[in-house]
Amino acid sequence: MIPPRRREDDLALAVTEIRQHGGGSVQVVRRLQALLLRLRDEVLPEHRAAVDQELARLRATVLERLGGSADPDRALAPDPQGLGGPARVTPWPARTAAAGPAPTGPLG
């Protein structure tokens, strides 16, 4: 019998490959961050930590890949279309500053 997957496992499966391969693309990062922020607002409270961990991983990936360029600030501005239009979602660093430090986990 195969044990059921947890929501956290499904989330990691859904976003890890996109983050790993698109983490150097401003558009991909903007869209993925917007998706995660919206998901964070809609999931049950017990699943928010998993979304916060994915947001922290995304931010770390951006800083690793784009940290030496002029674009990390642009990449970290969430945008559902990835085009850099007016922000409809509060940027991740501002959200976590109000909520406290970024969550940590076994890999974070």
Protein backbone atom coordinates (compact mmCIF):
# COMPACT_ATOMS: atom_id res chain seq x y z
CA MET A 1 0.00 0.00 0.00
CA ILE A 2 1.29 3.42 -0.93
CA PRO A 3 1.05 5.99 1.87
CA PRO A 4 -0.96 9.10 0.97
CA ARG A 5 0.97 12.25 0.10
CA ARG A 6 0.73 15.24 2.36
CA ARG A 7 -0.31 18.67 1.06
CA GLU A 8 3.26 19.83 1.68
CA ASP A 9 4.54 17.09 -0.63
CA ASP A 10 2.09 18.09 -3.36
CA LEU A 11 3.15 21.72 -3.08
CA ALA A 12 6.85 20.86 -3.30
CA LEU A 13 6.17 18.64 -6.30
CA ALA A 14 4.23 21.44 -8.00
CA VAL A 15 6.77 24.24 -7.61
CA THR A 16 10.27 22.79 -7.11
CA GLU A 17 11.10 22.07 -10.74
CA ILE A 18 9.66 25.41 -11.88
CA ARG A 19 11.74 27.22 -9.25
CA GLN A 20 14.90 25.27 -10.06
CA HIS A 21 14.71 25.80 -13.81
CA GLY A 22 13.04 29.22 -13.89
CA GLY A 23 14.69 30.81 -10.85
CA GLY A 24 16.88 32.98 -13.04
CA SER A 25 13.95 34.36 -15.04
CA VAL A 26 12.33 37.53 -13.72
CA GLN A 27 9.00 36.63 -15.33
CA VAL A 28 8.91 33.08 -14.00
CA VAL A 29 9.81 34.19 -10.48
CA ARG A 30 7.20 36.96 -10.48
CA ARG A 31 4.46 34.59 -11.55
CA LEU A 32 5.49 31.84 -9.15
CA GLN A 33 5.68 34.26 -6.25
CA ALA A 34 2.23 35.68 -7.06
CA LEU A 35 0.84 32.15 -7.15
CA LEU A 36 2.40 31.25 -3.79
CA LEU A 37 1.18 34.46 -2.13
CA ARG A 38 -2.35 33.87 -3.33
CA LEU A 39 -2.17 30.25 -2.22
CA ARG A 40 -0.89 31.34 1.19
CA ASP A 41 -3.94 33.54 1.64
CA GLU A 42 -6.31 30.71 0.69
CA VAL A 43 -4.91 27.59 2.36
CA LEU A 44 -5.90 26.38 5.80
CA PRO A 45 -3.71 27.80 8.58
CA GLU A 46 -1.99 24.46 9.16
CA HIS A 47 -0.66 24.51 5.57
CA ARG A 48 0.70 28.08 5.54
CA ALA A 49 4.10 27.06 6.89
CA ALA A 50 4.68 24.90 3.80
CA VAL A 51 3.83 27.84 1.52
CA ASP A 52 6.11 30.12 3.55
CA GLN A 53 8.93 27.60 3.14
CA GLU A 54 8.42 27.59 -0.63
CA LEU A 55 8.47 31.40 -0.65
CA ALA A 56 11.73 31.35 1.32
CA ARG A 57 13.22 28.84 -1.12
CA LEU A 58 12.13 31.00 -4.04
CA ARG A 59 13.72 34.09 -2.51
CA ALA A 60 16.96 32.19 -1.83
CA THR A 61 17.02 30.94 -5.42
CA VAL A 62 16.51 34.46 -6.78
CA LEU A 63 19.27 35.87 -4.61
CA GLU A 64 21.60 33.07 -5.67
CA ARG A 65 20.87 33.38 -9.38
CA LEU A 66 20.22 37.11 -9.74
CA GLY A 67 22.01 38.49 -6.67
CA GLY A 68 24.91 39.85 -8.73
CA SER A 69 22.64 41.49 -11.29
CA ALA A 70 20.48 44.59 -11.25
CA ASP A 71 17.26 42.54 -11.26
CA PRO A 72 16.60 40.81 -7.90
CA ASP A 73 14.23 43.59 -6.82
CA ARG A 74 12.27 43.21 -10.04
CA ALA A 75 12.13 39.44 -9.72
CA LEU A 76 10.90 39.69 -6.11
CA ALA A 77 7.93 41.89 -7.10
CA PRO A 78 5.08 39.40 -7.53
CA ASP A 79 3.03 39.70 -10.69
CA PRO A 80 0.51 37.09 -11.89
CA GLN A 81 1.36 37.88 -15.52
CA GLY A 82 5.12 38.23 -14.97
CA LEU A 83 5.20 41.40 -17.06
CA GLY A 84 6.00 43.97 -14.40
CA GLY A 85 2.70 45.80 -14.38
CA PRO A 86 1.19 47.43 -11.31
CA ALA A 87 1.58 45.17 -8.31
CA ARG A 88 -1.69 43.70 -7.10
CA VAL A 89 -0.04 41.60 -4.41
CA THR A 90 2.10 42.91 -1.57
CA PRO A 91 5.75 41.98 -2.24
CA TRP A 92 6.99 39.01 -0.23
CA PRO A 93 9.64 40.82 1.86
CA ALA A 94 7.07 43.40 3.02
CA ARG A 95 4.57 40.68 3.95
CA THR A 96 7.05 38.72 6.03
CA ALA A 97 8.42 41.80 7.75
CA ALA A 98 4.98 42.36 9.26
CA ALA A 99 4.57 38.66 10.08
CA GLY A 100 8.03 38.17 11.53
CA PRO A 101 11.08 36.34 10.23
CA ALA A 102 10.85 33.85 7.40
CA PRO A 103 9.90 30.38 8.56
CA THR A 104 12.61 27.80 8.91
CA GLY A 105 12.37 24.11 8.41
CA PRO A 106 14.64 21.14 8.04
CA LEU A 107 15.86 22.44 4.68
CA GLY A 108 15.26 26.17 5.21
